[in-house]
């Protein structure tokens, strides 16, 4: 299965390289190419800012979880190594 995928990629790769090297002018969309002070451009700026905020908050939550898990594991490991034997009566 894996060999057939690699053969397919070997056939498509030259086509991708030729497509990327084709000299075509890049065209911006009408929202990006228009007037910077237009309501569409301002709305697009706010939309991008909101998306960046969502992505950063999710990444912050993932980082906070791993920091919490790491601290919890270190605390439990420390508690196991520092366990004091209590004499029984």
N, C-alpha and C. Protein backbone atom coordinates (compact mmCIF):
# COMPACT_ATOMS: atom_id res chain seq x y z
N UNK A 1 0.83 -1.20 0.00
CA UNK A 1 0.00 0.00 0.00
C UNK A 1 0.87 1.26 0.00
N UNK A 2 1.90 1.25 0.87
CA UNK A 2 2.74 2.43 0.99
C UNK A 2 3.54 2.69 -0.28
N UNK A 3 3.98 1.62 -0.95
CA UNK A 3 4.76 1.77 -2.17
C UNK A 3 3.90 2.39 -3.27
N UNK A 4 2.64 1.98 -3.35
CA UNK A 4 1.77 2.55 -4.39
C UNK A 4 1.52 4.03 -4.15
N UNK A 5 1.46 4.45 -2.87
CA UNK A 5 1.28 5.87 -2.56
C UNK A 5 2.51 6.65 -2.99
N UNK A 6 3.69 6.09 -2.72
CA UNK A 6 4.93 6.76 -3.12
C UNK A 6 5.06 6.85 -4.64
N UNK A 7 4.62 5.81 -5.35
CA UNK A 7 4.67 5.87 -6.81
C UNK A 7 3.74 6.95 -7.34
N UNK A 8 2.56 7.06 -6.72
CA UNK A 8 1.62 8.10 -7.13
C UNK A 8 2.18 9.48 -6.88
N UNK A 9 2.86 9.66 -5.74
CA UNK A 9 3.46 10.95 -5.43
C UNK A 9 4.58 11.26 -6.41
N UNK A 10 5.34 10.24 -6.82
CA UNK A 10 6.42 10.43 -7.79
C UNK A 10 5.90 10.88 -9.14
N UNK A 11 4.68 10.50 -9.46
CA UNK A 11 4.09 10.92 -10.73
C UNK A 11 3.52 12.33 -10.64
N UNK A 12 3.03 12.69 -9.47
CA UNK A 12 2.38 13.99 -9.31
C UNK A 12 3.41 15.09 -9.00
N UNK A 13 4.51 14.75 -8.36
CA UNK A 13 5.49 15.76 -7.93
C UNK A 13 6.00 16.64 -9.08
N UNK A 14 6.42 16.08 -10.22
CA UNK A 14 6.87 16.98 -11.31
C UNK A 14 5.78 17.93 -11.78
N UNK A 15 4.53 17.46 -11.79
CA UNK A 15 3.43 18.34 -12.18
C UNK A 15 3.26 19.48 -11.18
N UNK A 16 3.40 19.18 -9.88
CA UNK A 16 3.31 20.23 -8.86
C UNK A 16 4.44 21.25 -9.01
N UNK A 17 5.64 20.78 -9.28
CA UNK A 17 6.78 21.69 -9.45
C UNK A 17 6.56 22.59 -10.66
N UNK A 18 6.10 22.02 -11.75
CA UNK A 18 5.85 22.83 -12.95
C UNK A 18 4.74 23.85 -12.70
N UNK A 19 3.72 23.45 -11.96
CA UNK A 19 2.63 24.37 -11.66
C UNK A 19 3.12 25.54 -10.81
N UNK A 20 3.97 25.26 -9.84
CA UNK A 20 4.49 26.33 -8.98
C UNK A 20 5.44 27.26 -9.73
N UNK A 21 6.11 26.76 -10.74
CA UNK A 21 7.06 27.58 -11.49
C UNK A 21 6.40 28.37 -12.61
N UNK A 22 5.13 28.14 -12.87
CA UNK A 22 4.42 28.83 -13.94
C UNK A 22 4.28 30.31 -13.58
N UNK A 23 4.74 31.21 -14.44
CA UNK A 23 4.69 32.64 -14.10
C UNK A 23 3.28 33.22 -14.28
N UNK A 24 2.54 33.20 -13.20
CA UNK A 24 1.19 33.77 -13.21
C UNK A 24 1.15 34.86 -12.16
N UNK A 25 0.52 35.95 -12.49
CA UNK A 25 0.40 37.05 -11.54
C UNK A 25 -0.59 36.68 -10.46
N UNK A 26 -0.22 36.95 -9.22
CA UNK A 26 -1.12 36.69 -8.10
C UNK A 26 -2.14 37.81 -8.01
N UNK A 27 -3.39 37.45 -7.81
CA UNK A 27 -4.46 38.42 -7.70
C UNK A 27 -5.04 38.37 -6.30
N UNK A 28 -5.19 39.52 -5.69
CA UNK A 28 -5.81 39.59 -4.38
C UNK A 28 -7.32 39.56 -4.52
N UNK A 29 -7.98 39.14 -3.44
CA UNK A 29 -9.44 39.14 -3.47
C UNK A 29 -9.95 40.59 -3.41
N UNK A 30 -11.22 40.77 -3.67
CA UNK A 30 -11.77 42.13 -3.72
C UNK A 30 -11.74 42.78 -2.34
N UNK A 31 -11.83 42.01 -1.28
CA UNK A 31 -11.78 42.59 0.07
C UNK A 31 -10.38 43.08 0.40
N UNK A 32 -9.37 42.32 0.00
CA UNK A 32 -7.98 42.72 0.31
C UNK A 32 -7.47 43.80 -0.63
N UNK A 33 -7.92 43.78 -1.85
CA UNK A 33 -7.41 44.70 -2.86
C UNK A 33 -8.07 46.07 -2.79
N UNK A 34 -9.18 46.16 -2.10
CA UNK A 34 -9.95 47.40 -2.08
C UNK A 34 -9.35 48.47 -1.18
N UNK A 35 -10.15 49.45 -0.88
CA UNK A 35 -9.74 50.59 -0.05
C UNK A 35 -9.50 50.13 1.39
N UNK A 36 -8.39 50.55 2.01
CA UNK A 36 -8.09 50.09 3.37
C UNK A 36 -9.06 50.61 4.44
N UNK A 37 -9.72 51.73 4.19
CA UNK A 37 -10.64 52.29 5.18
C UNK A 37 -12.09 51.89 4.93
N UNK A 38 -12.32 50.98 4.01
CA UNK A 38 -13.70 50.58 3.72
C UNK A 38 -14.23 49.67 4.84
N UNK A 39 -15.53 49.61 5.01
CA UNK A 39 -16.11 48.74 6.04
C UNK A 39 -15.77 47.27 5.84
N UNK A 40 -15.61 46.83 4.60
CA UNK A 40 -15.26 45.43 4.35
C UNK A 40 -13.86 45.13 4.89
N UNK A 41 -12.92 46.04 4.64
CA UNK A 41 -11.55 45.83 5.13
C UNK A 41 -11.51 45.85 6.65
N UNK A 42 -12.27 46.75 7.27
CA UNK A 42 -12.30 46.80 8.73
C UNK A 42 -12.93 45.53 9.30
N UNK A 43 -13.99 45.04 8.66
CA UNK A 43 -14.62 43.80 9.10
C UNK A 43 -13.69 42.61 8.96
N UNK A 44 -12.94 42.57 7.86
CA UNK A 44 -11.98 41.51 7.65
C UNK A 44 -10.88 41.54 8.70
N UNK A 45 -10.43 42.74 9.06
CA UNK A 45 -9.41 42.88 10.10
C UNK A 45 -9.93 42.36 11.44
N UNK A 46 -11.17 42.70 11.79
CA UNK A 46 -11.75 42.21 13.04
C UNK A 46 -11.95 40.69 13.01
N UNK A 47 -12.32 40.16 11.86
CA UNK A 47 -12.51 38.72 11.74
C UNK A 47 -11.20 37.97 11.93
N UNK A 48 -10.14 38.48 11.33
CA UNK A 48 -8.82 37.86 11.49
C UNK A 48 -8.37 37.96 12.94
N UNK A 49 -8.59 39.12 13.57
CA UNK A 49 -8.22 39.28 14.98
C UNK A 49 -8.99 38.31 15.87
N UNK A 50 -10.27 38.12 15.59
CA UNK A 50 -11.07 37.17 16.38
C UNK A 50 -10.57 35.74 16.21
N UNK A 51 -10.23 35.37 14.99
CA UNK A 51 -9.72 34.02 14.75
C UNK A 51 -8.38 33.81 15.44
N UNK A 52 -7.52 34.81 15.40
CA UNK A 52 -6.24 34.70 16.10
C UNK A 52 -6.47 34.56 17.60
N UNK A 53 -7.43 35.32 18.14
CA UNK A 53 -7.75 35.21 19.56
C UNK A 53 -8.26 33.83 19.94
N UNK A 54 -9.09 33.24 19.10
CA UNK A 54 -9.60 31.89 19.38
C UNK A 54 -8.46 30.87 19.35
N UNK A 55 -7.62 30.95 18.34
CA UNK A 55 -6.51 30.01 18.24
C UNK A 55 -5.57 30.15 19.43
N UNK A 56 -5.24 31.38 19.80
CA UNK A 56 -4.33 31.57 20.94
C UNK A 56 -4.95 31.11 22.25
N UNK A 57 -6.25 31.29 22.43
CA UNK A 57 -6.88 30.83 23.67
C UNK A 57 -6.90 29.30 23.74
N UNK A 58 -7.14 28.63 22.62
CA UNK A 58 -7.11 27.17 22.62
C UNK A 58 -5.69 26.66 22.89
N UNK A 59 -4.71 27.26 22.24
CA UNK A 59 -3.33 26.85 22.50
C UNK A 59 -2.93 27.14 23.94
N UNK A 60 -3.39 28.24 24.49
CA UNK A 60 -3.11 28.55 25.89
C UNK A 60 -3.72 27.50 26.81
N UNK A 61 -4.92 27.04 26.50
CA UNK A 61 -5.55 25.99 27.30
C UNK A 61 -4.78 24.68 27.23
N UNK A 62 -4.30 24.33 26.04
CA UNK A 62 -3.50 23.11 25.90
C UNK A 62 -2.21 23.22 26.68
N UNK A 63 -1.54 24.35 26.60
CA UNK A 63 -0.30 24.56 27.35
C UNK A 63 -0.56 24.52 28.84
N UNK A 64 -1.63 25.16 29.29
CA UNK A 64 -1.97 25.15 30.72
C UNK A 64 -2.24 23.74 31.21
N UNK A 65 -2.91 22.92 30.40
CA UNK A 65 -3.17 21.53 30.79
C UNK A 65 -1.87 20.77 30.98
N UNK A 66 -0.94 20.90 30.03
CA UNK A 66 0.31 20.16 30.15
C UNK A 66 1.18 20.67 31.29
N UNK A 67 1.16 21.96 31.55
CA UNK A 67 1.88 22.48 32.71
C UNK A 67 1.27 21.93 33.99
N UNK A 68 -0.05 21.92 34.07
CA UNK A 68 -0.73 21.37 35.25
C UNK A 68 -0.41 19.88 35.43
N UNK A 69 -0.47 19.12 34.35
CA UNK A 69 -0.18 17.69 34.43
C UNK A 69 1.27 17.45 34.85
N UNK A 70 2.18 18.24 34.34
CA UNK A 70 3.59 18.10 34.70
C UNK A 70 3.81 18.41 36.18
N UNK A 71 3.21 19.49 36.67
CA UNK A 71 3.36 19.85 38.08
C UNK A 71 2.71 18.80 38.98
N UNK A 72 1.57 18.28 38.58
CA UNK A 72 0.89 17.26 39.36
C UNK A 72 1.74 15.99 39.44
N UNK A 73 2.33 15.59 38.33
CA UNK A 73 3.18 14.40 38.32
C UNK A 73 4.42 14.61 39.18
N UNK A 74 5.01 15.79 39.12
CA UNK A 74 6.19 16.08 39.95
C UNK A 74 5.82 16.09 41.42
N UNK A 75 4.65 16.63 41.74
CA UNK A 75 4.21 16.67 43.13
C UNK A 75 3.96 15.26 43.68
N UNK A 76 3.33 14.42 42.87
CA UNK A 76 3.08 13.05 43.30
C UNK A 76 4.36 12.25 43.44
N UNK A 77 5.30 12.47 42.52
CA UNK A 77 6.59 11.78 42.61
C UNK A 77 7.36 12.22 43.85
N UNK A 78 7.31 13.52 44.15
CA UNK A 78 7.98 14.03 45.34
C UNK A 78 7.34 13.46 46.60
N UNK A 79 6.03 13.34 46.62
CA UNK A 79 5.33 12.80 47.78
C UNK A 79 5.68 11.34 47.99
N UNK A 80 5.89 10.57 46.92
CA UNK A 80 6.25 9.17 47.06
C UNK A 80 7.68 9.00 47.57
N UNK A 81 8.59 9.86 47.12
CA UNK A 81 9.99 9.72 47.55
C UNK A 81 10.21 10.27 48.95
N UNK A 82 9.42 11.21 49.38
CA UNK A 82 9.57 11.82 50.70
C UNK A 82 8.61 11.24 51.73
N UNK A 83 8.02 10.12 51.42
CA UNK A 83 7.05 9.53 52.34
C UNK A 83 7.76 9.09 53.61
N UNK A 84 7.24 9.55 54.72
CA UNK A 84 7.83 9.24 56.02
C UNK A 84 7.12 8.04 56.60
N UNK A 85 7.90 7.10 57.11
CA UNK A 85 7.30 5.93 57.73
C UNK A 85 6.81 6.30 59.12
N UNK A 86 5.56 6.04 59.36
CA UNK A 86 4.97 6.35 60.65
C UNK A 86 5.03 5.09 61.51
N UNK A 87 5.62 5.19 62.73
CA UNK A 87 5.68 3.99 63.59
C UNK A 87 4.28 3.58 64.04
N UNK A 88 4.06 2.28 64.03
CA UNK A 88 2.76 1.76 64.46
C UNK A 88 2.85 1.32 65.91
N UNK A 89 1.80 1.54 66.65
CA UNK A 89 1.78 1.15 68.08
C UNK A 89 1.30 -0.24 68.25
